[in-house]
Amino acid sequence: MQSVVFSGDGGEHLRIDVLGYERAPVGEYFDDNWLSVQVTIKAGGFSGSFSASFLTGELETLRQGSLSLYESLTGHAKFETLEGQLSLDLVGDGHGHIRLTGSAEDRAGLGNTLAFAFTFDQTQLQSTVQGLARVLDTFPVRT
């Protein structure tokens, strides 16, 4: 199992544990690239976890956006899953502060929804980018 963690300044966190590919490769992009994940969120008085499926390409997009944000301190990175279970927007203020806002849905299409937000220092984003790189080294995009 590999993990990606966003840690907020006030003890908040978002953790994505990647459990593995959902199935053996068959030569079709979507079938080959689904990952089983467990998402855990602690924000304010709320905490919980749920199972989801993400595409490897979605995590690669998050890695690229997070790396760009880490290097420039300004701009934003977005993450949206095909099934709509997790969306994130990270915005850098140009002074080393990043605000993460997100929405999580415990079941694709008809689940309960949690909106959350927290802030953290740009230096904390480095470990997130490294975590994403480890995930993608272990579970690369299959072509």
N, C-alpha and C. Protein backbone atom coordinates (compact mmCIF):
# COMPACT_ATOMS: atom_id res chain seq x y z
N MET A 1 0.85 -1.18 0.00
CA MET A 1 0.00 0.00 0.00
C MET A 1 0.89 1.24 0.00
N GLN A 2 0.51 2.22 -0.78
CA GLN A 2 1.18 3.52 -0.82
C GLN A 2 0.16 4.58 -0.43
N SER A 3 0.64 5.68 0.15
CA SER A 3 -0.27 6.72 0.63
C SER A 3 0.16 8.11 0.19
N VAL A 4 -0.85 8.97 0.08
CA VAL A 4 -0.66 10.39 -0.20
C VAL A 4 -1.37 11.13 0.92
N VAL A 5 -0.68 12.12 1.53
CA VAL A 5 -1.27 12.84 2.66
C VAL A 5 -1.12 14.34 2.44
N PHE A 6 -2.22 15.05 2.66
CA PHE A 6 -2.22 16.51 2.76
C PHE A 6 -2.46 16.81 4.24
N SER A 7 -1.54 17.54 4.89
CA SER A 7 -1.66 17.84 6.32
C SER A 7 -1.87 19.33 6.53
N GLY A 8 -2.95 19.67 7.22
CA GLY A 8 -3.27 21.06 7.49
C GLY A 8 -2.56 21.60 8.72
N ASP A 9 -2.55 22.92 8.84
CA ASP A 9 -1.89 23.59 9.96
C ASP A 9 -2.56 23.31 11.30
N GLY A 10 -3.85 23.00 11.30
CA GLY A 10 -4.58 22.80 12.54
C GLY A 10 -4.88 21.34 12.86
N GLY A 11 -4.08 20.41 12.33
CA GLY A 11 -4.31 18.99 12.59
C GLY A 11 -5.23 18.33 11.58
N GLU A 12 -5.75 19.09 10.63
CA GLU A 12 -6.60 18.50 9.60
C GLU A 12 -5.73 17.66 8.66
N HIS A 13 -6.36 16.71 8.02
CA HIS A 13 -5.62 15.96 7.00
C HIS A 13 -6.57 15.27 6.03
N LEU A 14 -6.02 15.00 4.88
CA LEU A 14 -6.67 14.19 3.85
C LEU A 14 -5.65 13.12 3.48
N ARG A 15 -6.04 11.87 3.59
CA ARG A 15 -5.13 10.76 3.30
C ARG A 15 -5.78 9.86 2.25
N ILE A 16 -5.00 9.52 1.24
CA ILE A 16 -5.44 8.59 0.21
C ILE A 16 -4.52 7.39 0.27
N ASP A 17 -5.05 6.25 0.69
CA ASP A 17 -4.29 5.00 0.71
C ASP A 17 -4.63 4.23 -0.56
N VAL A 18 -3.62 3.98 -1.37
CA VAL A 18 -3.83 3.25 -2.62
C VAL A 18 -3.57 1.78 -2.34
N LEU A 19 -4.62 0.97 -2.50
CA LEU A 19 -4.55 -0.45 -2.15
C LEU A 19 -4.06 -1.31 -3.30
N GLY A 20 -4.27 -0.86 -4.54
CA GLY A 20 -3.80 -1.62 -5.70
C GLY A 20 -4.70 -1.41 -6.90
N TYR A 21 -4.26 -1.97 -8.02
CA TYR A 21 -5.11 -1.96 -9.21
C TYR A 21 -6.35 -2.79 -8.94
N GLU A 22 -7.46 -2.41 -9.53
CA GLU A 22 -8.68 -3.18 -9.34
C GLU A 22 -8.68 -4.50 -10.10
N ARG A 23 -7.94 -4.56 -11.21
CA ARG A 23 -7.96 -5.78 -12.03
C ARG A 23 -6.67 -5.91 -12.82
N ALA A 24 -6.46 -7.09 -13.35
CA ALA A 24 -5.29 -7.36 -14.20
C ALA A 24 -5.47 -6.61 -15.52
N PRO A 25 -4.35 -6.24 -16.17
CA PRO A 25 -4.46 -5.50 -17.44
C PRO A 25 -5.05 -6.35 -18.55
N VAL A 26 -5.90 -5.69 -19.36
CA VAL A 26 -6.51 -6.35 -20.52
C VAL A 26 -6.27 -5.57 -21.80
N GLY A 27 -5.53 -4.47 -21.71
CA GLY A 27 -5.22 -3.68 -22.90
C GLY A 27 -6.19 -2.54 -23.17
N GLU A 28 -7.05 -2.20 -22.23
CA GLU A 28 -8.00 -1.11 -22.38
C GLU A 28 -7.74 -0.10 -21.26
N TYR A 29 -7.51 1.17 -21.63
CA TYR A 29 -7.06 2.18 -20.67
C TYR A 29 -7.91 2.22 -19.41
N PHE A 30 -9.21 2.36 -19.55
CA PHE A 30 -10.04 2.53 -18.36
C PHE A 30 -10.07 1.26 -17.51
N ASP A 31 -10.20 0.11 -18.13
CA ASP A 31 -10.20 -1.13 -17.35
C ASP A 31 -8.86 -1.35 -16.64
N ASP A 32 -7.78 -0.97 -17.29
CA ASP A 32 -6.44 -1.26 -16.77
C ASP A 32 -5.98 -0.29 -15.69
N ASN A 33 -6.57 0.88 -15.58
CA ASN A 33 -6.02 1.93 -14.73
C ASN A 33 -6.85 2.30 -13.51
N TRP A 34 -7.87 1.53 -13.18
CA TRP A 34 -8.63 1.81 -11.96
C TRP A 34 -7.84 1.33 -10.75
N LEU A 35 -7.75 2.18 -9.74
CA LEU A 35 -7.10 1.85 -8.48
C LEU A 35 -8.14 1.82 -7.37
N SER A 36 -8.03 0.85 -6.48
CA SER A 36 -8.85 0.82 -5.27
C SER A 36 -8.15 1.68 -4.22
N VAL A 37 -8.89 2.62 -3.63
CA VAL A 37 -8.31 3.52 -2.63
C VAL A 37 -9.22 3.61 -1.42
N GLN A 38 -8.62 4.02 -0.32
CA GLN A 38 -9.35 4.35 0.90
C GLN A 38 -9.02 5.80 1.21
N VAL A 39 -10.04 6.64 1.33
CA VAL A 39 -9.86 8.07 1.59
C VAL A 39 -10.25 8.34 3.04
N THR A 40 -9.39 9.03 3.76
CA THR A 40 -9.66 9.41 5.15
C THR A 40 -9.52 10.93 5.26
N ILE A 41 -10.52 11.55 5.88
CA ILE A 41 -10.53 13.01 6.02
C ILE A 41 -10.78 13.36 7.48
N LYS A 42 -10.00 14.32 7.98
CA LYS A 42 -10.27 14.94 9.27
C LYS A 42 -10.21 16.44 9.02
N ALA A 43 -11.34 17.11 9.23
CA ALA A 43 -11.42 18.55 9.00
C ALA A 43 -12.41 19.13 10.01
N GLY A 44 -11.93 20.03 10.85
CA GLY A 44 -12.80 20.58 11.88
C GLY A 44 -13.29 19.47 12.79
N GLY A 45 -14.58 19.47 13.07
CA GLY A 45 -15.18 18.45 13.91
C GLY A 45 -15.57 17.19 13.16
N PHE A 46 -15.27 17.13 11.87
CA PHE A 46 -15.66 15.99 11.05
C PHE A 46 -14.48 15.08 10.79
N SER A 47 -14.75 13.79 10.79
CA SER A 47 -13.73 12.82 10.37
C SER A 47 -14.45 11.59 9.86
N GLY A 48 -13.82 10.94 8.91
CA GLY A 48 -14.40 9.73 8.36
C GLY A 48 -13.56 9.19 7.23
N SER A 49 -13.98 8.04 6.73
CA SER A 49 -13.27 7.43 5.62
C SER A 49 -14.26 6.69 4.74
N PHE A 50 -13.84 6.47 3.50
CA PHE A 50 -14.68 5.76 2.54
C PHE A 50 -13.80 5.13 1.48
N SER A 51 -14.32 4.11 0.84
CA SER A 51 -13.64 3.45 -0.27
C SER A 51 -14.03 4.13 -1.57
N ALA A 52 -13.10 4.15 -2.51
CA ALA A 52 -13.36 4.77 -3.81
C ALA A 52 -12.48 4.12 -4.87
N SER A 53 -12.71 4.51 -6.11
CA SER A 53 -11.89 4.08 -7.24
C SER A 53 -11.42 5.32 -7.97
N PHE A 54 -10.11 5.43 -8.16
CA PHE A 54 -9.51 6.53 -8.90
C PHE A 54 -8.73 5.96 -10.07
N LEU A 55 -8.61 6.76 -11.11
CA LEU A 55 -7.77 6.38 -12.24
C LEU A 55 -6.33 6.84 -11.98
N THR A 56 -5.37 6.05 -12.44
CA THR A 56 -3.97 6.43 -12.27
C THR A 56 -3.69 7.79 -12.91
N GLY A 57 -4.30 8.08 -14.04
CA GLY A 57 -4.10 9.36 -14.71
C GLY A 57 -4.58 10.54 -13.88
N GLU A 58 -5.61 10.33 -13.06
CA GLU A 58 -6.09 11.40 -12.18
C GLU A 58 -5.04 11.74 -11.13
N LEU A 59 -4.38 10.72 -10.59
CA LEU A 59 -3.33 10.96 -9.61
C LEU A 59 -2.11 11.60 -10.26
N GLU A 60 -1.82 11.25 -11.51
CA GLU A 60 -0.71 11.89 -12.23
C GLU A 60 -1.00 13.37 -12.44
N THR A 61 -2.23 13.71 -12.78
CA THR A 61 -2.61 15.12 -12.94
C THR A 61 -2.44 15.87 -11.62
N LEU A 62 -2.84 15.25 -10.51
CA LEU A 62 -2.67 15.87 -9.19
C LEU A 62 -1.19 16.05 -8.87
N ARG A 63 -0.37 15.07 -9.21
CA ARG A 63 1.07 15.18 -8.96
C ARG A 63 1.68 16.34 -9.73
N GLN A 64 1.34 16.44 -11.00
CA GLN A 64 1.88 17.52 -11.83
C GLN A 64 1.44 18.89 -11.31
N GLY A 65 0.16 19.03 -10.98
CA GLY A 65 -0.35 20.30 -10.48
C GLY A 65 0.25 20.67 -9.13
N SER A 66 0.39 19.68 -8.25
CA SER A 66 0.97 19.93 -6.93
C SER A 66 2.45 20.30 -7.03
N LEU A 67 3.17 19.65 -7.93
CA LEU A 67 4.59 19.98 -8.13
C LEU A 67 4.74 21.40 -8.65
N SER A 68 3.91 21.78 -9.60
CA SER A 68 3.96 23.14 -10.14
C SER A 68 3.66 24.17 -9.05
N LEU A 69 2.66 23.89 -8.23
CA LEU A 69 2.30 24.78 -7.13
C LEU A 69 3.44 24.86 -6.10
N TYR A 70 4.06 23.74 -5.80
CA TYR A 70 5.18 23.73 -4.86
C TYR A 70 6.34 24.58 -5.38
N GLU A 71 6.62 24.48 -6.67
CA GLU A 71 7.75 25.21 -7.25
C GLU A 71 7.48 26.70 -7.42
N SER A 72 6.24 27.08 -7.71
CA SER A 72 5.94 28.48 -8.01
C SER A 72 5.33 29.26 -6.84
N LEU A 73 4.75 28.57 -5.88
CA LEU A 73 4.06 29.16 -4.72
C LEU A 73 2.76 29.86 -5.08
N THR A 74 2.45 29.96 -6.34
CA THR A 74 1.25 30.66 -6.76
C THR A 74 0.52 29.82 -7.80
N GLY A 75 -0.76 30.12 -7.96
CA GLY A 75 -1.57 29.37 -8.91
C GLY A 75 -2.42 28.35 -8.20
N HIS A 76 -2.84 27.34 -8.94
CA HIS A 76 -3.69 26.33 -8.32
C HIS A 76 -3.47 24.97 -8.97
N ALA A 77 -3.86 23.95 -8.23
CA ALA A 77 -3.87 22.58 -8.70
C ALA A 77 -5.26 22.03 -8.45
N LYS A 78 -5.77 21.27 -9.40
CA LYS A 78 -7.11 20.70 -9.26
C LYS A 78 -7.04 19.18 -9.35
N PHE A 79 -7.97 18.54 -8.67
CA PHE A 79 -8.11 17.09 -8.72
C PHE A 79 -9.59 16.78 -8.75
N GLU A 80 -10.00 16.05 -9.76
CA GLU A 80 -11.39 15.62 -9.87
C GLU A 80 -11.39 14.18 -10.35
N THR A 81 -12.21 13.37 -9.72
CA THR A 81 -12.29 11.97 -10.13
C THR A 81 -13.47 11.77 -11.08
N LEU A 82 -13.30 10.82 -11.96
CA LEU A 82 -14.34 10.53 -12.95
C LEU A 82 -15.67 10.21 -12.28
N GLU A 83 -15.63 9.49 -11.18
CA GLU A 83 -16.86 9.11 -10.49
C GLU A 83 -17.34 10.15 -9.49
N GLY A 84 -16.62 11.26 -9.36
CA GLY A 84 -17.07 12.37 -8.54
C GLY A 84 -16.95 12.18 -7.04
N GLN A 85 -16.19 11.20 -6.61
CA GLN A 85 -16.11 10.95 -5.17
C GLN A 85 -15.17 11.89 -4.43
N LEU A 86 -14.23 12.51 -5.13
CA LEU A 86 -13.33 13.45 -4.47
C LEU A 86 -12.94 14.53 -5.46
N SER A 87 -13.06 15.77 -5.01
CA SER A 87 -12.54 16.90 -5.80
C SER A 87 -11.77 17.80 -4.85
N LEU A 88 -10.63 18.29 -5.35
CA LEU A 88 -9.76 19.15 -4.56
C LEU A 88 -9.35 20.34 -5.40
N ASP A 89 -9.21 21.47 -4.73
CA ASP A 89 -8.68 22.68 -5.36
C ASP A 89 -7.64 23.24 -4.39
N LEU A 90 -6.40 23.31 -4.83
CA LEU A 90 -5.32 23.85 -4.03
C LEU A 90 -4.91 25.18 -4.63
N VAL A 91 -4.88 26.22 -3.81
CA VAL A 91 -4.55 27.56 -4.29
C VAL A 91 -3.39 28.12 -3.46
N GLY A 92 -2.33 28.54 -4.16
CA GLY A 92 -1.19 29.16 -3.51
C GLY A 92 -1.31 30.67 -3.56
N ASP A 93 -0.95 31.34 -2.46
CA ASP A 93 -1.09 32.80 -2.39
C ASP A 93 0.17 33.55 -2.81
N GLY A 94 1.21 32.83 -3.21
CA GLY A 94 2.45 33.47 -3.62
C GLY A 94 3.39 33.76 -2.46
N HIS A 95 2.94 33.50 -1.22
CA HIS A 95 3.75 33.76 -0.04
C HIS A 95 4.02 32.49 0.76
N GLY A 96 3.78 31.34 0.15
CA GLY A 96 4.05 30.07 0.81
C GLY A 96 2.88 29.45 1.53
N HIS A 97 1.69 30.06 1.42
CA HIS A 97 0.50 29.51 2.06
C HIS A 97 -0.39 28.88 0.99
N ILE A 98 -0.92 27.71 1.31
CA ILE A 98 -1.79 27.00 0.37
C ILE A 98 -3.11 26.70 1.06
N ARG A 99 -4.19 26.96 0.35
CA ARG A 99 -5.53 26.64 0.85
C ARG A 99 -6.08 25.49 0.02
N LEU A 100 -6.46 24.43 0.70
CA LEU A 100 -7.08 23.28 0.06
C LEU A 100 -8.57 23.31 0.36
N THR A 101 -9.39 23.31 -0.67
CA THR A 101 -10.83 23.15 -0.50
C THR A 101 -11.22 21.89 -1.24
N GLY A 102 -12.19 21.19 -0.71
CA GLY A 102 -12.56 19.93 -1.34
C GLY A 102 -13.97 19.51 -1.04
N SER A 103 -14.36 18.48 -1.76
CA SER A 103 -15.66 17.86 -1.58
C SER A 103 -15.46 16.35 -1.71
N ALA A 104 -16.06 15.61 -0.78
CA ALA A 104 -15.95 14.16 -0.79
C ALA A 104 -17.35 13.55 -0.75
N GLU A 105 -17.52 12.50 -1.51
CA GLU A 105 -18.80 11.79 -1.57
C GLU A 105 -18.54 10.32 -1.26
N ASP A 106 -19.21 9.79 -0.25
CA ASP A 106 -18.88 8.44 0.21
C ASP A 106 -19.32 7.32 -0.73
N ARG A 107 -20.28 7.58 -1.60
CA ARG A 107 -20.68 6.60 -2.62
C ARG A 107 -20.86 7.34 -3.93
N ALA A 108 -20.30 6.81 -4.98
CA ALA A 108 -20.33 7.48 -6.28
C ALA A 108 -21.77 7.75 -6.73
N GLY A 109 -22.06 9.01 -7.01
CA GLY A 109 -23.33 9.39 -7.61
C GLY A 109 -24.48 9.63 -6.66
N LEU A 110 -24.51 8.97 -5.51
CA LEU A 110 -25.67 9.13 -4.65
C LEU A 110 -25.33 9.06 -3.17
N GLY A 111 -24.11 9.39 -2.85
CA GLY A 111 -23.70 9.29 -1.45
C GLY A 111 -23.86 10.59 -0.69
N ASN A 112 -23.46 10.53 0.56
CA ASN A 112 -23.40 11.71 1.41
C ASN A 112 -22.19 12.54 1.01
N THR A 113 -22.29 13.86 1.15
CA THR A 113 -21.23 14.75 0.70
C THR A 113 -20.70 15.58 1.86
N LEU A 114 -19.38 15.72 1.91
CA LEU A 114 -18.71 16.57 2.89
C LEU A 114 -17.89 17.61 2.15
N ALA A 115 -18.13 18.88 2.45
CA ALA A 115 -17.29 19.97 1.95
C ALA A 115 -16.31 20.32 3.06
N PHE A 116 -15.05 20.55 2.71
CA PHE A 116 -14.04 20.81 3.72
C PHE A 116 -12.99 21.77 3.16
N ALA A 117 -12.24 22.37 4.07
CA ALA A 117 -11.16 23.28 3.68
C ALA A 117 -10.15 23.37 4.81
N PHE A 118 -8.89 23.51 4.45
CA PHE A 118 -7.85 23.79 5.42
C PHE A 118 -6.65 24.40 4.72
N THR A 119 -5.77 24.98 5.52
CA THR A 119 -4.58 25.63 4.98
C THR A 119 -3.33 24.93 5.49
N PHE A 120 -2.26 25.11 4.74
CA PHE A 120 -0.97 24.57 5.15
C PHE A 120 0.14 25.34 4.47
N ASP A 121 1.35 25.14 4.96
CA ASP A 121 2.52 25.80 4.43
C ASP A 121 3.02 25.06 3.19
N GLN A 122 3.57 25.80 2.25
CA GLN A 122 4.06 25.23 1.00
C GLN A 122 5.08 24.13 1.25
N THR A 123 5.87 24.24 2.31
CA THR A 123 6.88 23.22 2.57
C THR A 123 6.25 21.85 2.84
N GLN A 124 5.02 21.82 3.35
CA GLN A 124 4.34 20.55 3.59
C GLN A 124 3.91 19.87 2.29
N LEU A 125 3.82 20.64 1.23
CA LEU A 125 3.40 20.07 -0.05
C LEU A 125 4.47 19.15 -0.64
N GLN A 126 5.72 19.35 -0.27
CA GLN A 126 6.79 18.51 -0.80
C GLN A 126 6.56 17.04 -0.47
N SER A 127 6.17 16.72 0.76
CA SER A 127 5.94 15.32 1.12
C SER A 127 4.74 14.75 0.38
N THR A 128 3.76 15.60 0.07
CA THR A 128 2.60 15.15 -0.72
C THR A 128 3.04 14.80 -2.13
N VAL A 129 3.85 15.65 -2.74
CA VAL A 129 4.36 15.39 -4.09
C VAL A 129 5.19 14.11 -4.10
N GLN A 130 6.02 13.92 -3.08
CA GLN A 130 6.82 12.71 -2.99
C GLN A 130 5.94 11.47 -2.82
N GLY A 131 4.88 11.60 -2.03
CA GLY A 131 3.94 10.49 -1.87
C GLY A 131 3.25 10.14 -3.17
N LEU A 132 2.85 11.15 -3.93
CA LEU A 132 2.24 10.90 -5.24
C LEU A 132 3.22 10.22 -6.18
N ALA A 133 4.49 10.63 -6.15
CA ALA A 133 5.50 10.00 -7.00
C ALA A 133 5.68 8.53 -6.63
N ARG A 134 5.69 8.22 -5.33
CA ARG A 134 5.82 6.82 -4.90
C ARG A 134 4.62 5.99 -5.35
N VAL A 135 3.42 6.57 -5.22
CA VAL A 135 2.22 5.86 -5.67
C VAL A 135 2.33 5.54 -7.15
N LEU A 136 2.74 6.53 -7.94
CA LEU A 136 2.79 6.34 -9.39
C LEU A 136 3.96 5.47 -9.82
N ASP A 137 5.01 5.40 -9.02
CA ASP A 137 6.09 4.43 -9.30
C ASP A 137 5.59 3.01 -9.07
N THR A 138 4.79 2.83 -8.03
CA THR A 138 4.25 1.52 -7.69
C THR A 138 3.11 1.12 -8.62
N PHE A 139 2.27 2.10 -8.96
CA PHE A 139 1.09 1.86 -9.80
C PHE A 139 1.10 2.83 -10.98
N PRO A 140 1.99 2.61 -11.95
CA PRO A 140 2.08 3.54 -13.08
C PRO A 140 0.85 3.48 -13.99
N VAL A 141 0.68 4.54 -14.77
CA VAL A 141 -0.39 4.55 -15.77
C VAL A 141 -0.09 3.46 -16.78
N ARG A 142 -1.02 2.55 -16.95
CA ARG A 142 -0.86 1.47 -17.92
C ARG A 142 -1.35 1.94 -19.28
N THR A 143 -0.54 1.73 -20.31
CA THR A 143 -0.93 2.14 -21.66
C THR A 143 -1.13 0.96 -22.56
